[in-house]
Amino acid sequence: MITTQEGKLNARVILEMEAAPTLVRTFTTAKAIVLELGHIDLTSQPPIEASGSQTVKGIQLERTGPELARLRIQVQEPVPYTMRSSDNITAIELNRIQRGQKEIPVEPDVLKRLEESSGSNAFMTELKVEEMAGQLRFISKLSGETVSQVFTLENPLRLVVDVYDAVYEAGNSVLTVGKYGLRTVRVSQFKLNSPRCITRIVFDLNEPRYYDLRSNASEISISFFQE
């Protein structure tokens, strides 16, 4: 089954299948986000329920080869996006562009994780960058667990990662990138115990792109890819 979920900041396209597919390739057009998926069984077409979303206009899933399929998500406008899988659930998260928001709300799932966390602050080292095999990866070491929320702002287009319960040790940092659709990356201590510490990472984008965010108790990494 394929369904949509609309959150306060982001929309999700949820794929429920026997096993999680792998991402082979992805790209964005003017009106759609396209994901080429591998290790996917399409002997029967799963039902699609895409109504009620202010972000997603339509969804098509078609077989393109043995264990290969193309997922096309028609959108109101191109936005940054990512894909996460766990067991038989795969979620494509679309970071809806926030306009006219004086204060960014917290998504319910992020709030739940914050309530379940210890609330202790972790130290976050200076953000480093490494490039390998068509991937640009931004990494920061952590001294403990944190919770992240991602959203998108406009004028200019920015992908923002708020890392809760994180104290940034390096002060304000600015990295000039100039490739992979990125102009610059900025890191700063956005809040300090009011009521939680937040380290904010801001990616200045040339256009909406696919990214990958991974985090555990020892590091957080955000990756961008050649298209």
C-alpha atoms as a PDB file:
ATOM      1  CA  MET A   1       0.000   0.000   0.000  1.00  0.00           C
ATOM      2  CA  ILE A   2       1.111   3.576  -0.710  1.00  0.00           C
ATOM      3  CA  THR A   3      -0.332   6.418   1.375  1.00  0.00           C
ATOM      4  CA  THR A   4       0.427  10.081   2.144  1.00  0.00           C
ATOM      5  CA  GLN A   5       0.779  11.818   5.492  1.00  0.00           C
ATOM      6  CA  GLU A   6       0.700  15.604   5.841  1.00  0.00           C
ATOM      7  CA  GLY A   7       2.575  17.089   8.808  1.00  0.00           C
ATOM      8  CA  LYS A   8       3.004  20.628  10.109  1.00  0.00           C
ATOM      9  CA  LEU A   9       6.203  21.105   8.099  1.00  0.00           C
ATOM     10  CA  ASN A  10       6.640  18.117   5.847  1.00  0.00           C
ATOM     11  CA  ALA A  11       4.673  15.572   3.850  1.00  0.00           C
ATOM     12  CA  ARG A  12       5.463  11.871   3.626  1.00  0.00           C
ATOM     13  CA  VAL A  13       4.747   9.241   0.999  1.00  0.00           C
ATOM     14  CA  ILE A  14       4.644   5.894   2.827  1.00  0.00           C
ATOM     15  CA  LEU A  15       5.344   2.587   1.046  1.00  0.00           C
ATOM     16  CA  GLU A  16       4.301  -0.544   2.940  1.00  0.00           C
ATOM     17  CA  MET A  17       5.838  -3.588   1.245  1.00  0.00           C
ATOM     18  CA  GLU A  18       7.210  -6.992   2.194  1.00  0.00           C
ATOM     19  CA  ALA A  19      10.768  -5.625   2.112  1.00  0.00           C
ATOM     20  CA  ALA A  20      12.244  -2.140   1.880  1.00  0.00           C
ATOM     21  CA  PRO A  21      13.418  -1.160  -1.629  1.00  0.00           C
ATOM     22  CA  THR A  22      16.799   0.384  -2.344  1.00  0.00           C
ATOM     23  CA  LEU A  23      17.305   3.756  -4.008  1.00  0.00           C
ATOM     24  CA  VAL A  24      19.081   3.372  -7.354  1.00  0.00           C
ATOM     25  CA  ARG A  25      18.688   6.909  -8.701  1.00  0.00           C
ATOM     26  CA  THR A  26      16.569   9.975  -8.075  1.00  0.00           C
ATOM     27  CA  PHE A  27      15.942  13.316  -9.750  1.00  0.00           C
ATOM     28  CA  THR A  28      13.522  16.251  -9.727  1.00  0.00           C
ATOM     29  CA  THR A  29      11.536  17.755 -12.582  1.00  0.00           C
ATOM     30  CA  ALA A  30       9.425  20.911 -12.612  1.00  0.00           C
ATOM     31  CA  LYS A  31       6.341  19.037 -11.402  1.00  0.00           C
ATOM     32  CA  ALA A  32       7.560  15.703 -10.015  1.00  0.00           C
ATOM     33  CA  ILE A  33      10.036  13.888  -7.805  1.00  0.00           C
ATOM     34  CA  VAL A  34      11.191  10.650  -9.438  1.00  0.00           C
ATOM     35  CA  LEU A  35      12.815   7.741  -7.594  1.00  0.00           C
ATOM     36  CA  GLU A  36      14.231   4.682  -9.367  1.00  0.00           C
ATOM     37  CA  LEU A  37      13.874   1.803  -6.894  1.00  0.00           C
ATOM     38  CA  GLY A  38      15.581  -1.597  -6.763  1.00  0.00           C
ATOM     39  CA  HIS A  39      14.874  -4.853  -4.927  1.00  0.00           C
ATOM     40  CA  ILE A  40      11.154  -4.256  -5.270  1.00  0.00           C
ATOM     41  CA  ASP A  41       8.524  -6.867  -6.179  1.00  0.00           C
ATOM     42  CA  LEU A  42       5.764  -5.484  -8.391  1.00  0.00           C
ATOM     43  CA  THR A  43       4.046  -8.690  -9.407  1.00  0.00           C
ATOM     44  CA  SER A  44       0.877  -6.952  -8.222  1.00  0.00           C
ATOM     45  CA  GLN A  45       0.230  -3.201  -8.163  1.00  0.00           C
ATOM     46  CA  PRO A  46      -0.145  -1.892  -4.581  1.00  0.00           C
ATOM     47  CA  PRO A  47      -3.176   0.302  -3.831  1.00  0.00           C
ATOM     48  CA  ILE A  48      -2.420   4.022  -3.781  1.00  0.00           C
ATOM     49  CA  GLU A  49      -4.212   6.497  -1.517  1.00  0.00           C
ATOM     50  CA  ALA A  50      -2.883  10.015  -2.135  1.00  0.00           C
ATOM     51  CA  SER A  51      -5.834  12.226  -1.276  1.00  0.00           C
ATOM     52  CA  GLY A  52      -5.868  15.075   1.232  1.00  0.00           C
ATOM     53  CA  SER A  53      -2.280  16.263   0.726  1.00  0.00           C
ATOM     54  CA  GLN A  54      -1.475  19.917   0.073  1.00  0.00           C
ATOM     55  CA  THR A  55       1.967  18.856  -1.211  1.00  0.00           C
ATOM     56  CA  VAL A  56       1.397  15.680  -3.253  1.00  0.00           C
ATOM     57  CA  LYS A  57      -0.891  15.902  -6.312  1.00  0.00           C
ATOM     58  CA  GLY A  58      -0.529  12.308  -7.468  1.00  0.00           C
ATOM     59  CA  ILE A  59       1.562   9.129  -7.261  1.00  0.00           C
ATOM     60  CA  GLN A  60       2.443   6.549  -9.911  1.00  0.00           C
ATOM     61  CA  LEU A  61       4.484   3.388  -9.430  1.00  0.00           C
ATOM     62  CA  GLU A  62       5.465   1.405 -12.527  1.00  0.00           C
ATOM     63  CA  ARG A  63       7.648  -1.608 -13.113  1.00  0.00           C
ATOM     64  CA  THR A  64      10.751  -0.871 -15.217  1.00  0.00           C
ATOM     65  CA  GLY A  65      12.532  -4.235 -15.028  1.00  0.00           C
ATOM     66  CA  PRO A  66      13.101  -7.316 -12.845  1.00  0.00           C
ATOM     67  CA  GLU A  67      12.933  -6.041  -9.259  1.00  0.00           C
ATOM     68  CA  LEU A  68      13.042  -2.466 -10.596  1.00  0.00           C
ATOM     69  CA  ALA A  69      10.369   0.233 -10.455  1.00  0.00           C
ATOM     70  CA  ARG A  70       9.914   3.962 -10.923  1.00  0.00           C
ATOM     71  CA  LEU A  71       8.038   5.975  -8.305  1.00  0.00           C
ATOM     72  CA  ARG A  72       6.804   9.328  -9.617  1.00  0.00           C
ATOM     73  CA  ILE A  73       5.456  11.771  -7.040  1.00  0.00           C
ATOM     74  CA  GLN A  74       3.624  14.701  -8.614  1.00  0.00           C
ATOM     75  CA  VAL A  75       4.059  17.785  -6.428  1.00  0.00           C
ATOM     76  CA  GLN A  76       2.685  21.298  -6.150  1.00  0.00           C
ATOM     77  CA  GLU A  77       6.270  22.551  -6.448  1.00  0.00           C
ATOM     78  CA  PRO A  78       9.755  20.995  -6.242  1.00  0.00           C
ATOM     79  CA  VAL A  79      11.051  20.664  -2.671  1.00  0.00           C
ATOM     80  CA  PRO A  80      14.047  19.040  -0.941  1.00  0.00           C
ATOM     81  CA  TYR A  81      13.372  15.420  -0.013  1.00  0.00           C
ATOM     82  CA  THR A  82      14.849  12.314   1.558  1.00  0.00           C
ATOM     83  CA  MET A  83      14.058   8.606   1.885  1.00  0.00           C
ATOM     84  CA  ARG A  84      14.208   6.414   4.986  1.00  0.00           C
ATOM     85  CA  SER A  85      13.433   2.703   5.378  1.00  0.00           C
ATOM     86  CA  SER A  86      12.781   0.497   8.390  1.00  0.00           C
ATOM     87  CA  ASP A  87      11.698  -3.144   8.024  1.00  0.00           C
ATOM     88  CA  ASN A  88       8.784  -3.100   5.546  1.00  0.00           C
ATOM     89  CA  ILE A  89       8.091   0.658   5.772  1.00  0.00           C
ATOM     90  CA  THR A  90       9.737   3.190   3.464  1.00  0.00           C
ATOM     91  CA  ALA A  91       9.019   6.921   3.874  1.00  0.00           C
ATOM     92  CA  ILE A  92       9.838   9.591   1.310  1.00  0.00           C
ATOM     93  CA  GLU A  93       9.787  12.865   3.229  1.00  0.00           C
ATOM     94  CA  LEU A  94       9.098  16.058   1.271  1.00  0.00           C
ATOM     95  CA  ASN A  95      10.224  19.240   3.049  1.00  0.00           C
ATOM     96  CA  ARG A  96       7.456  21.682   2.217  1.00  0.00           C
ATOM     97  CA  ILE A  97       8.695  25.288   1.757  1.00  0.00           C
ATOM     98  CA  GLN A  98       7.661  27.384   4.760  1.00  0.00           C
ATOM     99  CA  ARG A  99       6.265  30.816   3.960  1.00  0.00           C
ATOM    100  CA  GLY A 100       5.192  33.532   6.399  1.00  0.00           C
ATOM    101  CA  GLN A 101       6.008  31.477   9.508  1.00  0.00           C
ATOM    102  CA  LYS A 102       7.086  33.649  12.434  1.00  0.00           C
ATOM    103  CA  GLU A 103       8.008  30.569  14.446  1.00  0.00           C
ATOM    104  CA  ILE A 104       8.639  27.088  13.100  1.00  0.00           C
ATOM    105  CA  PRO A 105       6.397  24.483  14.785  1.00  0.00           C
ATOM    106  CA  VAL A 106       7.671  21.120  15.992  1.00  0.00           C
ATOM    107  CA  GLU A 107       6.417  18.022  14.166  1.00  0.00           C
ATOM    108  CA  PRO A 108       4.486  15.585  16.433  1.00  0.00           C
ATOM    109  CA  ASP A 109       6.975  12.732  15.870  1.00  0.00           C
ATOM    110  CA  VAL A 110       9.887  15.049  16.755  1.00  0.00           C
ATOM    111  CA  LEU A 111       8.040  16.238  19.877  1.00  0.00           C
ATOM    112  CA  LYS A 112       7.468  12.615  20.903  1.00  0.00           C
ATOM    113  CA  ARG A 113      11.168  11.795  20.528  1.00  0.00           C
ATOM    114  CA  LEU A 114      12.067  14.888  22.547  1.00  0.00           C
ATOM    115  CA  GLU A 115       9.692  13.850  25.330  1.00  0.00           C
ATOM    116  CA  GLU A 116      11.261  10.378  25.357  1.00  0.00           C
ATOM    117  CA  SER A 117      14.839  11.708  25.377  1.00  0.00           C
ATOM    118  CA  SER A 118      16.892  12.320  28.508  1.00  0.00           C
ATOM    119  CA  GLY A 119      17.063  16.059  27.836  1.00  0.00           C
ATOM    120  CA  SER A 120      20.812  16.067  28.485  1.00  0.00           C
ATOM    121  CA  ASN A 121      22.918  18.206  26.183  1.00  0.00           C
ATOM    122  CA  ALA A 122      25.445  16.654  23.821  1.00  0.00           C
ATOM    123  CA  PHE A 123      28.515  18.461  22.548  1.00  0.00           C
ATOM    124  CA  MET A 124      28.786  18.801  18.777  1.00  0.00           C
ATOM    125  CA  THR A 125      32.177  19.296  17.117  1.00  0.00           C
ATOM    126  CA  GLU A 126      32.941  21.547  14.149  1.00  0.00           C
ATOM    127  CA  LEU A 127      31.185  20.468  10.962  1.00  0.00           C
ATOM    128  CA  LYS A 128      33.581  18.822   8.512  1.00  0.00           C
ATOM    129  CA  VAL A 129      33.084  17.974   4.837  1.00  0.00           C
ATOM    130  CA  GLU A 130      34.324  15.037   2.780  1.00  0.00           C
ATOM    131  CA  GLU A 131      33.743  14.155  -0.869  1.00  0.00           C
ATOM    132  CA  MET A 132      33.793  10.637  -2.317  1.00  0.00           C
ATOM    133  CA  ALA A 133      32.216   8.782  -5.244  1.00  0.00           C
ATOM    134  CA  GLY A 134      29.710  11.459  -6.217  1.00  0.00           C
ATOM    135  CA  GLN A 135      28.727  12.198  -2.625  1.00  0.00           C
ATOM    136  CA  LEU A 136      29.355  15.276  -0.497  1.00  0.00           C
ATOM    137  CA  ARG A 137      29.073  14.446   3.197  1.00  0.00           C
ATOM    138  CA  PHE A 138      28.929  16.893   6.112  1.00  0.00           C
ATOM    139  CA  ILE A 139      29.846  15.294   9.448  1.00  0.00           C
ATOM    140  CA  SER A 140      29.928  16.404  13.058  1.00  0.00           C
ATOM    141  CA  LYS A 141      30.872  14.243  16.037  1.00  0.00           C
ATOM    142  CA  LEU A 142      28.462  14.069  18.985  1.00  0.00           C
ATOM    143  CA  SER A 143      29.008  13.211  22.647  1.00  0.00           C
ATOM    144  CA  GLY A 144      25.488  11.816  23.059  1.00  0.00           C
ATOM    145  CA  GLU A 145      21.970  11.432  21.679  1.00  0.00           C
ATOM    146  CA  THR A 146      20.241  14.309  19.892  1.00  0.00           C
ATOM    147  CA  VAL A 147      16.947  14.782  18.005  1.00  0.00           C
ATOM    148  CA  SER A 148      16.790  16.478  14.595  1.00  0.00           C
ATOM    149  CA  GLN A 149      14.055  18.299  12.699  1.00  0.00           C
ATOM    150  CA  VAL A 150      14.353  19.313   9.025  1.00  0.00           C
ATOM    151  CA  PHE A 151      12.429  22.031   7.188  1.00  0.00           C
ATOM    152  CA  THR A 152      12.793  24.352   4.186  1.00  0.00           C
ATOM    153  CA  LEU A 153      12.719  28.152   3.953  1.00  0.00           C
ATOM    154  CA  GLU A 154      12.609  30.447   0.910  1.00  0.00           C
ATOM    155  CA  ASN A 155      14.278  33.642  -0.352  1.00  0.00           C
ATOM    156  CA  PRO A 156      16.884  32.242  -0.584  1.00  0.00           C
ATOM    157  CA  LEU A 157      16.063  28.530  -0.686  1.00  0.00           C
ATOM    158  CA  ARG A 158      17.453  26.906   2.470  1.00  0.00           C
ATOM    159  CA  LEU A 159      17.347  23.407   3.922  1.00  0.00           C
ATOM    160  CA  VAL A 160      17.501  23.773   7.705  1.00  0.00           C
ATOM    161  CA  VAL A 161      18.465  21.046  10.179  1.00  0.00           C
ATOM    162  CA  ASP A 162      17.732  21.871  13.826  1.00  0.00           C
ATOM    163  CA  VAL A 163      19.690  19.570  16.151  1.00  0.00           C
ATOM    164  CA  TYR A 164      18.013  19.585  19.571  1.00  0.00           C
ATOM    165  CA  ASP A 165      20.008  19.100  22.785  1.00  0.00           C
ATOM    166  CA  ALA A 166      23.246  19.913  20.935  1.00  0.00           C
ATOM    167  CA  VAL A 167      25.868  22.468  22.018  1.00  0.00           C
ATOM    168  CA  TYR A 168      28.046  23.529  19.084  1.00  0.00           C
ATOM    169  CA  GLU A 169      31.652  23.843  20.241  1.00  0.00           C
ATOM    170  CA  ALA A 170      33.018  25.758  17.235  1.00  0.00           C
ATOM    171  CA  GLY A 171      31.012  28.984  17.441  1.00  0.00           C
ATOM    172  CA  ASN A 172      29.601  30.211  14.121  1.00  0.00           C
ATOM    173  CA  SER A 173      30.912  28.317  11.075  1.00  0.00           C
ATOM    174  CA  VAL A 174      30.551  29.051   7.351  1.00  0.00           C
ATOM    175  CA  LEU A 175      31.638  26.602   4.631  1.00  0.00           C
ATOM    176  CA  THR A 176      31.742  27.697   0.988  1.00  0.00           C
ATOM    177  CA  VAL A 177      30.737  24.785  -1.255  1.00  0.00           C
ATOM    178  CA  GLY A 178      29.849  25.845  -4.806  1.00  0.00           C
ATOM    179  CA  LYS A 179      28.856  22.367  -6.084  1.00  0.00           C
ATOM    180  CA  TYR A 180      26.294  19.585  -5.626  1.00  0.00           C
ATOM    181  CA  GLY A 181      23.612  22.271  -5.790  1.00  0.00           C
ATOM    182  CA  LEU A 182      24.963  23.946  -2.631  1.00  0.00           C
ATOM    183  CA  ARG A 183      26.280  27.460  -2.268  1.00  0.00           C
ATOM    184  CA  THR A 184      27.245  27.619   1.417  1.00  0.00           C
ATOM    185  CA  VAL A 185      26.649  25.795   4.700  1.00  0.00           C
ATOM    186  CA  ARG A 186      26.285  27.712   7.959  1.00  0.00           C
ATOM    187  CA  VAL A 187      26.279  26.345  11.520  1.00  0.00           C
ATOM    188  CA  SER A 188      25.498  28.249  14.718  1.00  0.00           C
ATOM    189  CA  GLN A 189      24.068  27.916  18.207  1.00  0.00           C
ATOM    190  CA  PHE A 190      20.458  28.898  17.523  1.00  0.00           C
ATOM    191  CA  LYS A 191      19.173  28.486  21.087  1.00  0.00           C
ATOM    192  CA  LEU A 192      20.852  27.866  24.425  1.00  0.00           C
ATOM    193  CA  ASN A 193      18.569  26.300  27.045  1.00  0.00           C
ATOM    194  CA  SER A 194      15.377  28.141  26.098  1.00  0.00           C
ATOM    195  CA  PRO A 195      14.014  25.623  26.939  1.00  0.00           C
ATOM    196  CA  ARG A 196      16.363  23.338  24.933  1.00  0.00           C
ATOM    197  CA  CYS A 197      19.670  23.845  23.189  1.00  0.00           C
ATOM    198  CA  ILE A 198      19.397  23.890  19.386  1.00  0.00           C
ATOM    199  CA  THR A 199      22.301  23.857  16.961  1.00  0.00           C
ATOM    200  CA  ARG A 200      21.117  24.981  13.525  1.00  0.00           C
ATOM    201  CA  ILE A 201      22.694  23.836  10.250  1.00  0.00           C
ATOM    202  CA  VAL A 202      21.605  25.824   7.186  1.00  0.00           C
ATOM    203  CA  PHE A 203      22.277  24.610   3.630  1.00  0.00           C
ATOM    204  CA  ASP A 204      21.910  27.374   1.035  1.00  0.00           C
ATOM    205  CA  LEU A 205      20.572  25.578  -2.069  1.00  0.00           C
ATOM    206  CA  ASN A 206      20.592  26.466  -5.756  1.00  0.00           C
ATOM    207  CA  GLU A 207      17.582  24.197  -6.278  1.00  0.00           C
ATOM    208  CA  PRO A 208      15.588  21.541  -4.363  1.00  0.00           C
ATOM    209  CA  ARG A 209      17.614  18.332  -4.056  1.00  0.00           C
ATOM    210  CA  TYR A 210      17.689  14.859  -2.562  1.00  0.00           C
ATOM    211  CA  TYR A 211      19.678  14.529   0.670  1.00  0.00           C
ATOM    212  CA  ASP A 212      20.377  11.844   3.259  1.00  0.00           C
ATOM    213  CA  LEU A 213      20.509  12.502   7.021  1.00  0.00           C
ATOM    214  CA  ARG A 214      21.842   9.959   9.495  1.00  0.00           C
ATOM    215  CA  SER A 215      22.332  10.411  13.216  1.00  0.00           C
ATOM    216  CA  ASN A 216      23.312   8.341  16.235  1.00  0.00           C
ATOM    217  CA  ALA A 217      24.881   8.982  19.638  1.00  0.00           C
ATOM    218  CA  SER A 218      28.349   9.522  18.153  1.00  0.00           C
ATOM    219  CA  GLU A 219      27.791  11.581  14.979  1.00  0.00           C
ATOM    220  CA  ILE A 220      25.369  13.335  12.653  1.00  0.00           C
ATOM    221  CA  SER A 221      25.916  13.379   8.886  1.00  0.00           C
ATOM    222  CA  ILE A 222      24.035  15.005   6.002  1.00  0.00           C
ATOM    223  CA  SER A 223      24.897  13.952   2.457  1.00  0.00           C
ATOM    224  CA  PHE A 224      24.161  15.408  -0.987  1.00  0.00           C
ATOM    225  CA  PHE A 225      24.711  13.656  -4.306  1.00  0.00           C
ATOM    226  CA  GLN A 226      25.612  14.350  -7.912  1.00  0.00           C
ATOM    227  CA  GLU A 227      22.604  14.223 -10.250  1.00  0.00           C
END
